[in-house]
Amino acid sequence: QADLEAEAATLDPELPLAGRLFAVKGNIDVAGLPTTAGCPSYAYTPPQDAPVVAALKAAGALLIGTTNLDQFATGLVGTRSPYGAVRNAIDPTRISGGSSSGSAVAVALGIVDFALGTDTAGSGRVPAAFNGIVGLKPTYGLVPTEGVVPACASLDCVTVFARTLPEAEQALAHMTTAPAATTPPPRRPGPY
């Protein structure tokens, strides 16, 4: 907490996200923190932030850490992690939804202002719905996925969780400024 307070004290108050707290799903790279993808034997510590994380920090947002998820982002329930099940923020006897369960619950409990998740087939929208918050899945390719452990690279999107749509939109506006390493391939109907 002392480090976070010291970092906050040095922020330019004119930055668009100055002082806003955020968390990142454990399959998105954060420099110096383990990227686990919910699997202890897979974990590695990246030397740099994923571009989307770097862009949010550059806009003044303060990262508090990474969150739990269904292992390898392959579940919709929030209970498939060797680190333990993530409890629903509204009713702990119910599932939290997944796979971005930790990020959704951190927002719903008011621990952070917004959080990053990923969505391939519902992993950003399902836990948002189960915990009574907004889960915004942007258009494929709008937010760079460099530094994200892929579940299905041709469908993966970085999502944002917030308590309100304007808060989600504000974060998204700064996520899209991150430089993409590659432009997603154009989608064309193939021969059937």
N, C-alpha and C. Protein backbone atom coordinates (compact mmCIF):
# COMPACT_ATOMS: atom_id res chain seq x y z
N GLN A 1 0.82 -1.19 0.00
CA GLN A 1 0.00 0.00 0.00
C GLN A 1 0.87 1.25 0.00
N ALA A 2 1.97 1.22 0.73
CA ALA A 2 2.85 2.38 0.76
C ALA A 2 3.40 2.70 -0.63
N ASP A 3 3.77 1.65 -1.38
CA ASP A 3 4.27 1.86 -2.74
C ASP A 3 3.20 2.49 -3.63
N LEU A 4 1.97 2.02 -3.49
CA LEU A 4 0.86 2.55 -4.28
C LEU A 4 0.60 4.01 -3.93
N GLU A 5 0.64 4.33 -2.65
CA GLU A 5 0.43 5.72 -2.23
C GLU A 5 1.55 6.62 -2.72
N ALA A 6 2.78 6.11 -2.71
CA ALA A 6 3.91 6.89 -3.22
C ALA A 6 3.77 7.13 -4.72
N GLU A 7 3.35 6.11 -5.44
CA GLU A 7 3.14 6.25 -6.88
C GLU A 7 2.02 7.25 -7.16
N ALA A 8 0.95 7.19 -6.39
CA ALA A 8 -0.17 8.12 -6.57
C ALA A 8 0.26 9.56 -6.33
N ALA A 9 1.15 9.76 -5.37
CA ALA A 9 1.61 11.11 -5.04
C ALA A 9 2.41 11.75 -6.18
N THR A 10 3.00 10.93 -7.04
CA THR A 10 3.81 11.46 -8.14
C THR A 10 3.03 11.64 -9.44
N LEU A 11 1.77 11.23 -9.45
CA LEU A 11 0.97 11.31 -10.68
C LEU A 11 0.61 12.74 -11.05
N ASP A 12 0.60 13.00 -12.33
CA ASP A 12 0.11 14.26 -12.85
C ASP A 12 -1.42 14.23 -12.73
N PRO A 13 -2.02 15.11 -11.94
CA PRO A 13 -3.48 15.07 -11.76
C PRO A 13 -4.26 15.37 -13.04
N GLU A 14 -3.59 15.86 -14.07
CA GLU A 14 -4.25 16.15 -15.34
C GLU A 14 -4.41 14.90 -16.21
N LEU A 15 -3.75 13.80 -15.84
CA LEU A 15 -3.88 12.58 -16.64
C LEU A 15 -5.32 12.09 -16.59
N PRO A 16 -5.85 11.56 -17.68
CA PRO A 16 -7.27 11.21 -17.75
C PRO A 16 -7.73 10.14 -16.76
N LEU A 17 -6.84 9.23 -16.37
CA LEU A 17 -7.22 8.19 -15.40
C LEU A 17 -6.46 8.34 -14.09
N ALA A 18 -6.00 9.54 -13.79
CA ALA A 18 -5.15 9.78 -12.62
C ALA A 18 -5.77 9.24 -11.34
N GLY A 19 -5.06 8.30 -10.72
CA GLY A 19 -5.48 7.75 -9.43
C GLY A 19 -6.52 6.67 -9.48
N ARG A 20 -7.02 6.32 -10.65
CA ARG A 20 -8.02 5.25 -10.75
C ARG A 20 -7.32 3.92 -10.53
N LEU A 21 -7.85 3.10 -9.63
CA LEU A 21 -7.26 1.80 -9.33
C LEU A 21 -7.77 0.74 -10.30
N PHE A 22 -6.84 -0.13 -10.75
CA PHE A 22 -7.27 -1.22 -11.62
C PHE A 22 -6.49 -2.49 -11.33
N ALA A 23 -7.08 -3.60 -11.75
CA ALA A 23 -6.47 -4.92 -11.62
C ALA A 23 -6.49 -5.58 -12.99
N VAL A 24 -5.67 -6.61 -13.14
CA VAL A 24 -5.48 -7.26 -14.44
C VAL A 24 -5.64 -8.77 -14.27
N LYS A 25 -6.41 -9.38 -15.13
CA LYS A 25 -6.57 -10.84 -15.14
C LYS A 25 -5.20 -11.50 -15.26
N GLY A 26 -5.02 -12.60 -14.56
CA GLY A 26 -3.74 -13.28 -14.48
C GLY A 26 -3.22 -13.93 -15.74
N ASN A 27 -3.83 -13.67 -16.88
CA ASN A 27 -3.29 -14.14 -18.16
C ASN A 27 -2.81 -12.98 -19.03
N ILE A 28 -2.69 -11.80 -18.42
CA ILE A 28 -2.22 -10.60 -19.11
C ILE A 28 -0.92 -10.17 -18.43
N ASP A 29 0.11 -9.92 -19.22
CA ASP A 29 1.43 -9.61 -18.67
C ASP A 29 1.48 -8.28 -17.92
N VAL A 30 2.08 -8.35 -16.72
CA VAL A 30 2.40 -7.18 -15.91
C VAL A 30 3.87 -7.34 -15.51
N ALA A 31 4.69 -6.38 -15.86
CA ALA A 31 6.12 -6.46 -15.58
C ALA A 31 6.37 -6.75 -14.10
N GLY A 32 7.18 -7.77 -13.85
CA GLY A 32 7.57 -8.09 -12.48
C GLY A 32 6.60 -8.93 -11.69
N LEU A 33 5.41 -9.17 -12.21
CA LEU A 33 4.43 -10.03 -11.53
C LEU A 33 4.25 -11.31 -12.34
N PRO A 34 4.03 -12.44 -11.67
CA PRO A 34 3.85 -13.68 -12.42
C PRO A 34 2.58 -13.67 -13.27
N THR A 35 2.72 -14.06 -14.51
CA THR A 35 1.58 -14.34 -15.38
C THR A 35 1.35 -15.83 -15.24
N THR A 36 0.24 -16.22 -14.61
CA THR A 36 0.02 -17.64 -14.31
C THR A 36 -0.96 -18.32 -15.25
N ALA A 37 -1.87 -17.56 -15.83
CA ALA A 37 -2.99 -18.13 -16.59
C ALA A 37 -3.73 -19.16 -15.74
N GLY A 38 -3.65 -19.01 -14.42
CA GLY A 38 -4.33 -19.93 -13.51
C GLY A 38 -3.65 -21.27 -13.38
N CYS A 39 -2.38 -21.38 -13.75
CA CYS A 39 -1.66 -22.65 -13.70
C CYS A 39 -0.27 -22.42 -13.11
N PRO A 40 -0.02 -22.88 -11.87
CA PRO A 40 1.28 -22.63 -11.23
C PRO A 40 2.47 -23.12 -12.05
N SER A 41 2.35 -24.26 -12.72
CA SER A 41 3.50 -24.79 -13.46
C SER A 41 3.75 -24.04 -14.77
N TYR A 42 2.80 -23.24 -15.21
CA TYR A 42 2.96 -22.45 -16.43
C TYR A 42 3.57 -21.07 -16.13
N ALA A 43 3.48 -20.60 -14.92
CA ALA A 43 3.80 -19.22 -14.56
C ALA A 43 5.17 -18.75 -15.05
N TYR A 44 5.21 -17.51 -15.49
CA TYR A 44 6.45 -16.84 -15.86
C TYR A 44 6.33 -15.38 -15.44
N THR A 45 7.46 -14.70 -15.29
CA THR A 45 7.45 -13.29 -14.92
C THR A 45 7.92 -12.47 -16.12
N PRO A 46 7.03 -11.71 -16.73
CA PRO A 46 7.40 -10.95 -17.93
C PRO A 46 8.27 -9.73 -17.59
N PRO A 47 9.16 -9.36 -18.50
CA PRO A 47 10.01 -8.20 -18.26
C PRO A 47 9.29 -6.87 -18.53
N GLN A 48 8.16 -6.92 -19.24
CA GLN A 48 7.45 -5.68 -19.54
C GLN A 48 5.94 -5.91 -19.50
N ASP A 49 5.23 -4.81 -19.36
CA ASP A 49 3.77 -4.85 -19.36
C ASP A 49 3.24 -5.15 -20.76
N ALA A 50 2.09 -5.81 -20.81
CA ALA A 50 1.35 -5.90 -22.08
C ALA A 50 1.05 -4.47 -22.51
N PRO A 51 1.02 -4.17 -23.81
CA PRO A 51 0.76 -2.80 -24.26
C PRO A 51 -0.51 -2.19 -23.67
N VAL A 52 -1.56 -2.97 -23.49
CA VAL A 52 -2.80 -2.44 -22.93
C VAL A 52 -2.59 -1.99 -21.48
N VAL A 53 -1.81 -2.73 -20.71
CA VAL A 53 -1.51 -2.35 -19.33
C VAL A 53 -0.65 -1.09 -19.32
N ALA A 54 0.36 -1.05 -20.18
CA ALA A 54 1.24 0.12 -20.26
C ALA A 54 0.45 1.38 -20.63
N ALA A 55 -0.51 1.25 -21.54
CA ALA A 55 -1.32 2.40 -21.95
C ALA A 55 -2.17 2.93 -20.80
N LEU A 56 -2.74 2.04 -20.01
CA LEU A 56 -3.55 2.48 -18.87
C LEU A 56 -2.69 3.15 -17.80
N LYS A 57 -1.51 2.61 -17.56
CA LYS A 57 -0.59 3.24 -16.61
C LYS A 57 -0.18 4.62 -17.11
N ALA A 58 0.10 4.73 -18.41
CA ALA A 58 0.49 6.02 -18.98
C ALA A 58 -0.62 7.05 -18.86
N ALA A 59 -1.87 6.59 -18.81
CA ALA A 59 -3.02 7.49 -18.64
C ALA A 59 -3.26 7.82 -17.17
N GLY A 60 -2.43 7.29 -16.27
CA GLY A 60 -2.52 7.63 -14.85
C GLY A 60 -3.17 6.61 -13.96
N ALA A 61 -3.66 5.50 -14.52
CA ALA A 61 -4.29 4.46 -13.69
C ALA A 61 -3.23 3.75 -12.86
N LEU A 62 -3.62 3.34 -11.66
CA LEU A 62 -2.72 2.67 -10.72
C LEU A 62 -3.06 1.19 -10.63
N LEU A 63 -2.11 0.35 -10.98
CA LEU A 63 -2.30 -1.10 -10.95
C LEU A 63 -2.09 -1.62 -9.53
N ILE A 64 -3.07 -2.39 -9.03
CA ILE A 64 -2.89 -2.97 -7.70
C ILE A 64 -2.46 -4.43 -7.75
N GLY A 65 -2.61 -5.10 -8.89
CA GLY A 65 -2.16 -6.49 -8.99
C GLY A 65 -2.95 -7.27 -10.02
N THR A 66 -2.72 -8.59 -10.00
CA THR A 66 -3.40 -9.49 -10.94
C THR A 66 -4.47 -10.30 -10.21
N THR A 67 -5.39 -10.86 -10.97
CA THR A 67 -6.53 -11.57 -10.39
C THR A 67 -6.59 -13.02 -10.85
N ASN A 68 -7.32 -13.81 -10.09
CA ASN A 68 -7.51 -15.23 -10.36
C ASN A 68 -8.44 -15.42 -11.57
N LEU A 69 -8.37 -16.61 -12.16
CA LEU A 69 -9.19 -16.94 -13.32
C LEU A 69 -9.35 -18.44 -13.43
N ASP A 70 -10.33 -18.86 -14.21
CA ASP A 70 -10.42 -20.28 -14.56
C ASP A 70 -9.15 -20.63 -15.35
N GLN A 71 -8.55 -21.76 -15.01
CA GLN A 71 -7.27 -22.14 -15.58
C GLN A 71 -7.25 -22.04 -17.10
N PHE A 72 -6.23 -21.34 -17.61
CA PHE A 72 -6.04 -21.10 -19.04
C PHE A 72 -7.25 -20.44 -19.69
N ALA A 73 -8.05 -19.74 -18.90
CA ALA A 73 -9.23 -19.00 -19.41
C ALA A 73 -10.19 -19.93 -20.13
N THR A 74 -10.35 -21.15 -19.61
CA THR A 74 -11.19 -22.14 -20.28
C THR A 74 -12.37 -22.58 -19.42
N GLY A 75 -13.04 -21.65 -18.81
CA GLY A 75 -14.23 -21.99 -18.04
C GLY A 75 -15.14 -20.80 -17.92
N LEU A 76 -16.39 -21.05 -17.65
CA LEU A 76 -17.36 -19.96 -17.48
C LEU A 76 -17.95 -19.93 -16.08
N VAL A 77 -17.30 -20.61 -15.13
CA VAL A 77 -17.90 -20.72 -13.79
C VAL A 77 -17.11 -20.04 -12.68
N GLY A 78 -15.80 -19.85 -12.84
CA GLY A 78 -14.99 -19.22 -11.80
C GLY A 78 -14.53 -20.17 -10.72
N THR A 79 -14.67 -21.47 -10.95
CA THR A 79 -14.29 -22.46 -9.93
C THR A 79 -13.14 -23.36 -10.38
N ARG A 80 -12.63 -23.15 -11.58
CA ARG A 80 -11.64 -24.05 -12.16
C ARG A 80 -10.22 -23.49 -12.06
N SER A 81 -9.77 -23.20 -10.85
CA SER A 81 -8.42 -22.68 -10.65
C SER A 81 -7.77 -23.41 -9.49
N PRO A 82 -6.51 -23.82 -9.63
CA PRO A 82 -5.82 -24.43 -8.50
C PRO A 82 -5.57 -23.44 -7.37
N TYR A 83 -5.76 -22.16 -7.62
CA TYR A 83 -5.63 -21.14 -6.58
C TYR A 83 -6.91 -20.98 -5.77
N GLY A 84 -7.95 -21.71 -6.14
CA GLY A 84 -9.22 -21.65 -5.43
C GLY A 84 -10.31 -21.01 -6.25
N ALA A 85 -11.54 -21.30 -5.86
CA ALA A 85 -12.70 -20.72 -6.53
C ALA A 85 -12.84 -19.25 -6.15
N VAL A 86 -13.29 -18.45 -7.09
CA VAL A 86 -13.60 -17.05 -6.83
C VAL A 86 -15.07 -16.98 -6.45
N ARG A 87 -15.36 -16.40 -5.31
CA ARG A 87 -16.74 -16.32 -4.80
C ARG A 87 -17.50 -15.17 -5.46
N ASN A 88 -18.77 -15.39 -5.70
CA ASN A 88 -19.65 -14.38 -6.25
C ASN A 88 -19.73 -13.20 -5.28
N ALA A 89 -19.65 -11.97 -5.81
CA ALA A 89 -19.65 -10.77 -4.98
C ALA A 89 -21.01 -10.50 -4.34
N ILE A 90 -22.08 -10.96 -4.96
CA ILE A 90 -23.43 -10.70 -4.46
C ILE A 90 -23.87 -11.78 -3.49
N ASP A 91 -23.59 -13.03 -3.83
CA ASP A 91 -23.98 -14.17 -3.00
C ASP A 91 -22.86 -15.21 -3.06
N PRO A 92 -22.01 -15.27 -2.04
CA PRO A 92 -20.86 -16.17 -2.05
C PRO A 92 -21.21 -17.66 -2.18
N THR A 93 -22.48 -18.02 -2.04
CA THR A 93 -22.86 -19.43 -2.21
C THR A 93 -23.06 -19.77 -3.69
N ARG A 94 -23.02 -18.76 -4.55
CA ARG A 94 -23.21 -18.98 -5.98
C ARG A 94 -21.89 -18.81 -6.73
N ILE A 95 -21.85 -19.34 -7.96
CA ILE A 95 -20.63 -19.19 -8.75
C ILE A 95 -20.48 -17.74 -9.22
N SER A 96 -19.24 -17.37 -9.48
CA SER A 96 -18.94 -15.99 -9.89
C SER A 96 -18.97 -15.81 -11.40
N GLY A 97 -18.99 -16.92 -12.14
CA GLY A 97 -18.85 -16.82 -13.58
C GLY A 97 -17.37 -16.70 -13.92
N GLY A 98 -17.03 -17.05 -15.12
CA GLY A 98 -15.63 -17.02 -15.51
C GLY A 98 -15.51 -16.82 -17.00
N SER A 99 -14.35 -16.81 -17.49
CA SER A 99 -13.14 -17.14 -16.78
C SER A 99 -12.49 -15.95 -16.09
N SER A 100 -12.94 -14.75 -16.38
CA SER A 100 -12.36 -13.54 -15.78
C SER A 100 -12.98 -13.23 -14.42
N SER A 101 -13.18 -14.26 -13.62
CA SER A 101 -13.90 -14.15 -12.35
C SER A 101 -13.26 -13.19 -11.37
N GLY A 102 -11.96 -13.28 -11.17
CA GLY A 102 -11.30 -12.41 -10.19
C GLY A 102 -11.42 -10.94 -10.53
N SER A 103 -11.29 -10.61 -11.80
CA SER A 103 -11.41 -9.21 -12.21
C SER A 103 -12.82 -8.68 -11.99
N ALA A 104 -13.82 -9.47 -12.34
CA ALA A 104 -15.21 -9.04 -12.16
C ALA A 104 -15.53 -8.84 -10.68
N VAL A 105 -15.12 -9.77 -9.85
CA VAL A 105 -15.42 -9.69 -8.42
C VAL A 105 -14.68 -8.52 -7.77
N ALA A 106 -13.44 -8.26 -8.19
CA ALA A 106 -12.69 -7.12 -7.64
C ALA A 106 -13.42 -5.81 -7.90
N VAL A 107 -14.02 -5.67 -9.07
CA VAL A 107 -14.80 -4.46 -9.38
C VAL A 107 -16.10 -4.45 -8.58
N ALA A 108 -16.81 -5.57 -8.58
CA ALA A 108 -18.11 -5.64 -7.89
C ALA A 108 -17.98 -5.35 -6.39
N LEU A 109 -16.86 -5.76 -5.79
CA LEU A 109 -16.65 -5.52 -4.36
C LEU A 109 -16.08 -4.13 -4.07
N GLY A 110 -15.78 -3.36 -5.12
CA GLY A 110 -15.25 -2.01 -4.93
C GLY A 110 -13.77 -1.97 -4.59
N ILE A 111 -13.06 -3.05 -4.83
CA ILE A 111 -11.62 -3.09 -4.56
C ILE A 111 -10.88 -2.22 -5.56
N VAL A 112 -11.36 -2.22 -6.81
CA VAL A 112 -10.77 -1.41 -7.88
C VAL A 112 -11.88 -0.67 -8.62
N ASP A 113 -11.47 0.36 -9.35
CA ASP A 113 -12.43 1.12 -10.15
C ASP A 113 -12.79 0.39 -11.44
N PHE A 114 -11.80 -0.28 -12.02
CA PHE A 114 -12.03 -1.08 -13.22
C PHE A 114 -10.99 -2.19 -13.25
N ALA A 115 -11.23 -3.18 -14.09
CA ALA A 115 -10.30 -4.29 -14.20
C ALA A 115 -10.30 -4.81 -15.63
N LEU A 116 -9.18 -5.41 -16.01
CA LEU A 116 -9.08 -6.03 -17.32
C LEU A 116 -9.36 -7.52 -17.21
N GLY A 117 -10.03 -8.03 -18.22
CA GLY A 117 -10.25 -9.46 -18.36
C GLY A 117 -10.00 -9.82 -19.80
N THR A 118 -10.38 -11.03 -20.16
CA THR A 118 -10.34 -11.43 -21.56
C THR A 118 -11.66 -12.12 -21.88
N ASP A 119 -11.99 -12.14 -23.16
CA ASP A 119 -13.23 -12.78 -23.59
C ASP A 119 -12.99 -13.44 -24.94
N THR A 120 -13.19 -14.73 -24.96
CA THR A 120 -13.11 -15.51 -26.20
C THR A 120 -14.50 -16.02 -26.55
N ALA A 121 -15.21 -16.51 -25.53
CA ALA A 121 -16.55 -17.08 -25.73
C ALA A 121 -17.46 -16.76 -24.55
N GLY A 122 -17.27 -15.59 -23.95
CA GLY A 122 -18.13 -15.18 -22.84
C GLY A 122 -17.40 -14.87 -21.55
N SER A 123 -16.09 -15.07 -21.51
CA SER A 123 -15.32 -14.93 -20.27
C SER A 123 -15.29 -13.53 -19.67
N GLY A 124 -15.67 -12.53 -20.43
CA GLY A 124 -15.76 -11.18 -19.90
C GLY A 124 -17.19 -10.79 -19.59
N ARG A 125 -18.12 -11.31 -20.36
CA ARG A 125 -19.52 -10.92 -20.18
C ARG A 125 -20.22 -11.73 -19.11
N VAL A 126 -19.93 -13.03 -19.03
CA VAL A 126 -20.60 -13.90 -18.06
C VAL A 126 -20.33 -13.47 -16.62
N PRO A 127 -19.06 -13.30 -16.19
CA PRO A 127 -18.85 -12.90 -14.79
C PRO A 127 -19.38 -11.50 -14.49
N ALA A 128 -19.41 -10.63 -15.49
CA ALA A 128 -20.00 -9.31 -15.28
C ALA A 128 -21.48 -9.45 -14.95
N ALA A 129 -22.18 -10.25 -15.72
CA ALA A 129 -23.61 -10.46 -15.48
C ALA A 129 -23.86 -11.12 -14.13
N PHE A 130 -23.06 -12.10 -13.78
CA PHE A 130 -23.26 -12.81 -12.51
C PHE A 130 -22.98 -11.94 -11.29
N ASN A 131 -22.19 -10.87 -11.46
CA ASN A 131 -21.81 -10.03 -10.33
C ASN A 131 -22.39 -8.62 -10.40
N GLY A 132 -23.31 -8.39 -11.34
CA GLY A 132 -24.04 -7.13 -11.40
C GLY A 132 -23.24 -5.92 -11.82
N ILE A 133 -22.27 -6.11 -12.71
CA ILE A 133 -21.45 -4.99 -13.19
C ILE A 133 -21.46 -4.98 -14.71
N VAL A 134 -20.72 -4.05 -15.29
CA VAL A 134 -20.58 -3.95 -16.74
C VAL A 134 -19.35 -4.73 -17.18
N GLY A 135 -19.50 -5.53 -18.22
CA GLY A 135 -18.38 -6.21 -18.87
C GLY A 135 -18.41 -5.83 -20.33
N LEU A 136 -17.46 -5.04 -20.76
CA LEU A 136 -17.45 -4.51 -22.12
C LEU A 136 -16.45 -5.27 -22.98
N LYS A 137 -16.97 -5.97 -23.99
CA LYS A 137 -16.11 -6.68 -24.94
C LYS A 137 -16.02 -5.83 -26.20
N PRO A 138 -14.83 -5.29 -26.48
CA PRO A 138 -14.70 -4.45 -27.67
C PRO A 138 -14.63 -5.27 -28.96
N THR A 139 -14.74 -4.58 -30.06
CA THR A 139 -14.60 -5.21 -31.36
C THR A 139 -13.25 -5.90 -31.44
N TYR A 140 -13.24 -7.09 -32.02
CA TYR A 140 -12.00 -7.84 -32.19
C TYR A 140 -10.95 -6.98 -32.89
N GLY A 141 -9.75 -6.92 -32.30
CA GLY A 141 -8.65 -6.16 -32.88
C GLY A 141 -8.56 -4.72 -32.43
N LEU A 142 -9.59 -4.19 -31.76
CA LEU A 142 -9.56 -2.80 -31.31
C LEU A 142 -8.52 -2.60 -30.21
N VAL A 143 -8.43 -3.55 -29.29
CA VAL A 143 -7.46 -3.50 -28.19
C VAL A 143 -6.40 -4.56 -28.47
N PRO A 144 -5.12 -4.20 -28.41
CA PRO A 144 -4.08 -5.18 -28.71
C PRO A 144 -4.07 -6.34 -27.71
N THR A 145 -3.79 -7.53 -28.22
CA THR A 145 -3.72 -8.72 -27.36
C THR A 145 -2.28 -9.19 -27.16
N GLU A 146 -1.32 -8.40 -27.60
CA GLU A 146 0.08 -8.72 -27.33
C GLU A 146 0.28 -8.76 -25.81
N GLY A 147 0.96 -9.77 -25.31
CA GLY A 147 1.16 -9.90 -23.87
C GLY A 147 0.02 -10.59 -23.17
N VAL A 148 -0.88 -11.22 -23.92
CA VAL A 148 -2.00 -11.98 -23.36
C VAL A 148 -1.79 -13.45 -23.71
N VAL A 149 -1.89 -14.33 -22.70
CA VAL A 149 -1.80 -15.76 -22.97
C VAL A 149 -3.04 -16.14 -23.77
N PRO A 150 -2.88 -16.65 -24.98
CA PRO A 150 -4.05 -16.90 -25.82
C PRO A 150 -4.86 -18.12 -25.39
N ALA A 151 -6.16 -17.98 -25.48
CA ALA A 151 -7.06 -19.14 -25.38
C ALA A 151 -7.38 -19.58 -26.81
N CYS A 152 -7.72 -18.60 -27.65
CA CYS A 152 -7.93 -18.82 -29.09
C CYS A 152 -7.61 -17.49 -29.76
N ALA A 153 -6.39 -17.36 -30.25
CA ALA A 153 -5.88 -16.08 -30.73
C ALA A 153 -6.78 -15.41 -31.77
N SER A 154 -7.50 -16.18 -32.55
CA SER A 154 -8.35 -15.57 -33.58
C SER A 154 -9.66 -15.03 -33.03
N LEU A 155 -9.94 -15.26 -31.74
CA LEU A 155 -11.18 -14.77 -31.13
C LEU A 155 -10.95 -13.96 -29.86
N ASP A 156 -9.77 -14.05 -29.25
CA ASP A 156 -9.51 -13.40 -27.96
C ASP A 156 -9.64 -11.88 -28.04
N CYS A 157 -10.25 -11.30 -27.02
CA CYS A 157 -10.35 -9.85 -26.86
C CYS A 157 -10.00 -9.51 -25.42
N VAL A 158 -9.35 -8.37 -25.21
CA VAL A 158 -9.17 -7.84 -23.86
C VAL A 158 -10.43 -7.06 -23.53
N THR A 159 -11.02 -7.37 -22.38
CA THR A 159 -12.26 -6.72 -21.96
C THR A 159 -12.01 -5.82 -20.76
N VAL A 160 -12.99 -4.99 -20.45
CA VAL A 160 -12.89 -4.14 -19.27
C VAL A 160 -14.16 -4.31 -18.44
N PHE A 161 -13.96 -4.39 -17.12
CA PHE A 161 -15.06 -4.44 -16.15
C PHE A 161 -15.11 -3.12 -15.41
N ALA A 162 -16.31 -2.63 -15.15
CA ALA A 162 -16.50 -1.42 -14.34
C ALA A 162 -17.91 -1.49 -13.75
N ARG A 163 -18.17 -0.58 -12.80
CA ARG A 163 -19.50 -0.57 -12.19
C ARG A 163 -20.54 0.08 -13.09
N THR A 164 -20.09 1.02 -13.95
CA THR A 164 -21.03 1.70 -14.85
C THR A 164 -20.47 1.70 -16.27
N LEU A 165 -21.35 1.89 -17.24
CA LEU A 165 -20.92 1.94 -18.63
C LEU A 165 -19.99 3.13 -18.90
N PRO A 166 -20.27 4.34 -18.39
CA PRO A 166 -19.33 5.45 -18.63
C PRO A 166 -17.92 5.16 -18.08
N GLU A 167 -17.83 4.47 -16.93
CA GLU A 167 -16.51 4.12 -16.40
C GLU A 167 -15.80 3.12 -17.31
N ALA A 168 -16.54 2.16 -17.83
CA ALA A 168 -15.96 1.17 -18.75
C ALA A 168 -15.51 1.86 -20.04
N GLU A 169 -16.34 2.76 -20.55
CA GLU A 169 -15.99 3.48 -21.78
C GLU A 169 -14.75 4.35 -21.59
N GLN A 170 -14.63 4.97 -20.42
CA GLN A 170 -13.46 5.81 -20.15
C GLN A 170 -12.18 4.98 -20.17
N ALA A 171 -12.21 3.83 -19.52
CA ALA A 171 -11.03 2.96 -19.53
C ALA A 171 -10.75 2.47 -20.95
N LEU A 172 -11.78 2.04 -21.66
CA LEU A 172 -11.61 1.53 -23.03
C LEU A 172 -10.98 2.58 -23.94
N ALA A 173 -11.34 3.83 -23.75
CA ALA A 173 -10.78 4.90 -24.58
C ALA A 173 -9.27 4.96 -24.49
N HIS A 174 -8.72 4.54 -23.37
CA HIS A 174 -7.26 4.58 -23.19
C HIS A 174 -6.61 3.24 -23.46
N MET A 175 -7.40 2.19 -23.52
CA MET A 175 -6.87 0.87 -23.87
C MET A 175 -6.59 0.79 -25.36
N THR A 176 -7.35 1.50 -26.15
CA THR A 176 -7.23 1.42 -27.61
C THR A 176 -6.05 2.21 -28.13
N THR A 177 -5.43 3.03 -27.29
CA THR A 177 -4.26 3.80 -27.73
C THR A 177 -3.00 2.97 -27.66
N ALA A 178 -3.08 1.77 -27.09
CA ALA A 178 -1.90 0.91 -26.99
C ALA A 178 -1.47 0.48 -28.38
N PRO A 179 -0.16 0.54 -28.66
CA PRO A 179 0.29 0.15 -30.00
C PRO A 179 0.18 -1.36 -30.21
N ALA A 180 -0.47 -1.75 -31.26
CA ALA A 180 -0.60 -3.17 -31.57
C ALA A 180 0.66 -3.66 -32.28
N ALA A 181 1.14 -4.84 -31.91
CA ALA A 181 2.32 -5.41 -32.55
C ALA A 181 1.98 -5.82 -33.98
N THR A 182 0.78 -6.31 -34.15
CA THR A 182 0.35 -6.72 -35.49
C THR A 182 -1.11 -6.32 -35.67
N THR A 183 -1.46 -6.06 -36.87
CA THR A 183 -2.85 -5.76 -37.19
C THR A 183 -3.57 -7.09 -37.40
N PRO A 184 -4.75 -7.25 -36.81
CA PRO A 184 -5.45 -8.51 -37.01
C PRO A 184 -5.77 -8.71 -38.49
N PRO A 185 -5.74 -9.95 -38.93
CA PRO A 185 -6.04 -10.20 -40.34
C PRO A 185 -7.48 -9.84 -40.65
N PRO A 186 -7.72 -9.36 -41.87
CA PRO A 186 -9.11 -9.05 -42.23
C PRO A 186 -9.93 -10.33 -42.26
N ARG A 187 -11.16 -10.21 -41.86
CA ARG A 187 -12.06 -11.37 -41.89
C ARG A 187 -12.80 -11.38 -43.21
N ARG A 188 -12.66 -12.47 -43.91
CA ARG A 188 -13.34 -12.62 -45.20
C ARG A 188 -14.06 -13.95 -45.20
N PRO A 189 -15.24 -13.98 -45.76
CA PRO A 189 -15.92 -15.27 -45.85
C PRO A 189 -15.11 -16.20 -46.75
N GLY A 190 -14.95 -17.40 -46.32
CA GLY A 190 -14.19 -18.36 -47.10
C GLY A 190 -15.10 -19.20 -47.97
N PRO A 191 -14.50 -20.01 -48.81
CA PRO A 191 -15.33 -20.92 -49.61
C PRO A 191 -15.97 -21.95 -48.69
N TYR A 192 -17.21 -22.22 -48.90
CA TYR A 192 -17.92 -23.17 -48.04
C TYR A 192 -18.23 -24.43 -48.78
